[in-house]
């Protein structure tokens, strides 16, 4: 039978504080952790629940994205949940749209 007790580092989902889901697009900067002195954009693969982080922190597995929205590295990151900045779907659509435009241009031989 699964343990129903709350775990350290897990948070209750509220309207303003939804859990991390696969596919979430995040901007990580110093608010998420001091390691991000230069902000990076990542797409969440999953939250690593096997590890027991401090309360309010989490381990995530994510793809680091370049300016075109293409994955350039797979990373495991330790982040402060209150410092995560979610990027809106319009940003996600713009990133996928620019990738599609880039691919179409390359196929036509214009790139």
C-alpha atoms as a PDB file:
ATOM      1  CA  UNK A   1       0.000   0.000   0.000  1.00  0.00           C
ATOM      2  CA  UNK A   2       1.459   3.419  -0.951  1.00  0.00           C
ATOM      3  CA  UNK A   3       2.561   5.735   1.828  1.00  0.00           C
ATOM      4  CA  UNK A   4       0.098   8.663   1.941  1.00  0.00           C
ATOM      5  CA  UNK A   5       2.184  10.845   4.269  1.00  0.00           C
ATOM      6  CA  UNK A   6       3.458  14.087   2.714  1.00  0.00           C
ATOM      7  CA  UNK A   7       7.112  13.942   1.721  1.00  0.00           C
ATOM      8  CA  UNK A   8       9.638  16.657   2.390  1.00  0.00           C
ATOM      9  CA  UNK A   9      10.158  18.808  -0.688  1.00  0.00           C
ATOM     10  CA  UNK A  10       6.742  18.041  -2.165  1.00  0.00           C
ATOM     11  CA  UNK A  11       4.203  20.789  -2.379  1.00  0.00           C
ATOM     12  CA  UNK A  12       0.463  20.854  -2.473  1.00  0.00           C
ATOM     13  CA  UNK A  13      -0.950  21.972  -5.793  1.00  0.00           C
ATOM     14  CA  UNK A  14      -3.066  25.120  -5.624  1.00  0.00           C
ATOM     15  CA  UNK A  15      -4.389  27.413  -8.313  1.00  0.00           C
ATOM     16  CA  UNK A  16      -1.184  29.493  -8.207  1.00  0.00           C
ATOM     17  CA  UNK A  17       1.171  26.656  -7.418  1.00  0.00           C
ATOM     18  CA  UNK A  18       0.652  23.788  -9.828  1.00  0.00           C
ATOM     19  CA  UNK A  19       2.947  20.746  -9.822  1.00  0.00           C
ATOM     20  CA  UNK A  20       5.654  20.262 -12.412  1.00  0.00           C
ATOM     21  CA  UNK A  21       4.528  18.261 -15.422  1.00  0.00           C
ATOM     22  CA  UNK A  22       6.374  16.732 -18.333  1.00  0.00           C
ATOM     23  CA  UNK A  23       6.585  19.325 -21.097  1.00  0.00           C
ATOM     24  CA  UNK A  24       6.504  22.382 -18.822  1.00  0.00           C
ATOM     25  CA  UNK A  25       8.717  25.147 -20.166  1.00  0.00           C
ATOM     26  CA  UNK A  26      10.721  26.957 -17.458  1.00  0.00           C
ATOM     27  CA  UNK A  27      13.196  29.814 -17.297  1.00  0.00           C
ATOM     28  CA  UNK A  28      15.726  29.097 -14.556  1.00  0.00           C
ATOM     29  CA  UNK A  29      17.660  32.020 -13.107  1.00  0.00           C
ATOM     30  CA  UNK A  30      19.121  32.961  -9.709  1.00  0.00           C
ATOM     31  CA  UNK A  31      15.668  32.796  -8.137  1.00  0.00           C
ATOM     32  CA  UNK A  32      15.631  29.046  -8.862  1.00  0.00           C
ATOM     33  CA  UNK A  33      19.220  28.470  -7.654  1.00  0.00           C
ATOM     34  CA  UNK A  34      22.538  30.309  -7.446  1.00  0.00           C
ATOM     35  CA  UNK A  35      23.931  27.914 -10.067  1.00  0.00           C
ATOM     36  CA  UNK A  36      21.887  29.747 -12.736  1.00  0.00           C
ATOM     37  CA  UNK A  37      23.872  33.006 -12.783  1.00  0.00           C
ATOM     38  CA  UNK A  38      23.146  32.957 -16.529  1.00  0.00           C
ATOM     39  CA  UNK A  39      19.455  32.076 -17.092  1.00  0.00           C
ATOM     40  CA  UNK A  40      18.624  28.931 -19.040  1.00  0.00           C
ATOM     41  CA  UNK A  41      15.411  27.643 -20.573  1.00  0.00           C
ATOM     42  CA  UNK A  42      14.442  24.034 -19.939  1.00  0.00           C
ATOM     43  CA  UNK A  43      11.631  21.655 -20.836  1.00  0.00           C
ATOM     44  CA  UNK A  44      10.731  19.386 -17.915  1.00  0.00           C
ATOM     45  CA  UNK A  45      10.988  15.641 -18.447  1.00  0.00           C
ATOM     46  CA  UNK A  46      10.001  14.697 -14.904  1.00  0.00           C
ATOM     47  CA  UNK A  47      10.424  15.525 -11.254  1.00  0.00           C
ATOM     48  CA  UNK A  48      12.823  13.025  -9.681  1.00  0.00           C
ATOM     49  CA  UNK A  49      10.834  11.725  -6.744  1.00  0.00           C
ATOM     50  CA  UNK A  50      13.380   9.137  -5.548  1.00  0.00           C
ATOM     51  CA  UNK A  51      15.478  11.856  -3.933  1.00  0.00           C
ATOM     52  CA  UNK A  52      14.491  13.576  -0.689  1.00  0.00           C
ATOM     53  CA  UNK A  53      15.302  17.287  -1.158  1.00  0.00           C
ATOM     54  CA  UNK A  54      14.902  20.011   1.435  1.00  0.00           C
ATOM     55  CA  UNK A  55      11.406  21.412   1.867  1.00  0.00           C
ATOM     56  CA  UNK A  56      10.562  23.726  -1.032  1.00  0.00           C
ATOM     57  CA  UNK A  57      13.243  22.276  -3.318  1.00  0.00           C
ATOM     58  CA  UNK A  58      13.096  19.572  -5.987  1.00  0.00           C
ATOM     59  CA  UNK A  59      15.290  17.558  -8.315  1.00  0.00           C
ATOM     60  CA  UNK A  60      14.107  17.676 -11.915  1.00  0.00           C
ATOM     61  CA  UNK A  61      15.238  16.009 -15.090  1.00  0.00           C
ATOM     62  CA  UNK A  62      14.985  18.401 -18.032  1.00  0.00           C
ATOM     63  CA  UNK A  63      16.245  19.249 -21.483  1.00  0.00           C
ATOM     64  CA  UNK A  64      18.187  22.500 -21.722  1.00  0.00           C
ATOM     65  CA  UNK A  65      16.998  24.428 -24.781  1.00  0.00           C
ATOM     66  CA  UNK A  66      18.880  26.807 -27.056  1.00  0.00           C
ATOM     67  CA  UNK A  67      17.421  30.044 -28.484  1.00  0.00           C
ATOM     68  CA  UNK A  68      15.610  28.081 -31.219  1.00  0.00           C
ATOM     69  CA  UNK A  69      13.913  25.829 -28.677  1.00  0.00           C
ATOM     70  CA  UNK A  70      16.009  22.793 -29.606  1.00  0.00           C
ATOM     71  CA  UNK A  71      17.230  20.506 -26.841  1.00  0.00           C
ATOM     72  CA  UNK A  72      21.005  20.778 -26.477  1.00  0.00           C
ATOM     73  CA  UNK A  73      21.573  18.855 -23.217  1.00  0.00           C
ATOM     74  CA  UNK A  74      19.760  16.548 -20.831  1.00  0.00           C
ATOM     75  CA  UNK A  75      20.299  17.654 -17.223  1.00  0.00           C
ATOM     76  CA  UNK A  76      19.369  16.818 -13.641  1.00  0.00           C
ATOM     77  CA  UNK A  77      18.828  20.061 -11.760  1.00  0.00           C
ATOM     78  CA  UNK A  78      18.265  21.015  -8.110  1.00  0.00           C
ATOM     79  CA  UNK A  79      15.798  23.918  -8.039  1.00  0.00           C
ATOM     80  CA  UNK A  80      13.931  26.096  -5.561  1.00  0.00           C
ATOM     81  CA  UNK A  81      10.258  25.622  -6.419  1.00  0.00           C
ATOM     82  CA  UNK A  82       9.168  29.162  -5.480  1.00  0.00           C
ATOM     83  CA  UNK A  83      11.849  30.550  -7.823  1.00  0.00           C
ATOM     84  CA  UNK A  84      10.682  28.737 -10.963  1.00  0.00           C
ATOM     85  CA  UNK A  85       9.412  30.962 -13.792  1.00  0.00           C
ATOM     86  CA  UNK A  86       7.013  29.197 -16.115  1.00  0.00           C
ATOM     87  CA  UNK A  87       7.007  30.389 -19.696  1.00  0.00           C
ATOM     88  CA  UNK A  88       3.615  30.809 -21.302  1.00  0.00           C
ATOM     89  CA  UNK A  89       2.245  28.686 -24.099  1.00  0.00           C
ATOM     90  CA  UNK A  90       2.674  31.605 -26.527  1.00  0.00           C
ATOM     91  CA  UNK A  91       6.414  31.368 -25.918  1.00  0.00           C
ATOM     92  CA  UNK A  92       6.224  27.600 -26.394  1.00  0.00           C
ATOM     93  CA  UNK A  93       4.294  28.065 -29.660  1.00  0.00           C
ATOM     94  CA  UNK A  94       6.724  30.726 -30.865  1.00  0.00           C
ATOM     95  CA  UNK A  95       9.665  28.432 -30.133  1.00  0.00           C
ATOM     96  CA  UNK A  96       8.118  25.474 -31.975  1.00  0.00           C
ATOM     97  CA  UNK A  97       7.011  27.764 -34.807  1.00  0.00           C
ATOM     98  CA  UNK A  98      10.527  29.150 -35.270  1.00  0.00           C
ATOM     99  CA  UNK A  99      11.907  25.607 -35.253  1.00  0.00           C
ATOM    100  CA  UNK A 100       9.365  24.601 -37.918  1.00  0.00           C
ATOM    101  CA  UNK A 101      10.205  27.666 -40.021  1.00  0.00           C
ATOM    102  CA  UNK A 102      13.900  26.887 -39.687  1.00  0.00           C
ATOM    103  CA  UNK A 103      13.339  23.264 -40.741  1.00  0.00           C
ATOM    104  CA  UNK A 104      11.160  24.281 -43.700  1.00  0.00           C
ATOM    105  CA  UNK A 105      13.780  26.788 -44.832  1.00  0.00           C
ATOM    106  CA  UNK A 106      16.503  24.154 -44.624  1.00  0.00           C
ATOM    107  CA  UNK A 107      14.358  21.705 -46.657  1.00  0.00           C
ATOM    108  CA  UNK A 108      13.848  24.305 -49.398  1.00  0.00           C
ATOM    109  CA  UNK A 109      17.588  24.887 -49.527  1.00  0.00           C
ATOM    110  CA  UNK A 110      17.376  28.508 -48.448  1.00  0.00           C
ATOM    111  CA  UNK A 111      19.261  28.105 -45.146  1.00  0.00           C
END
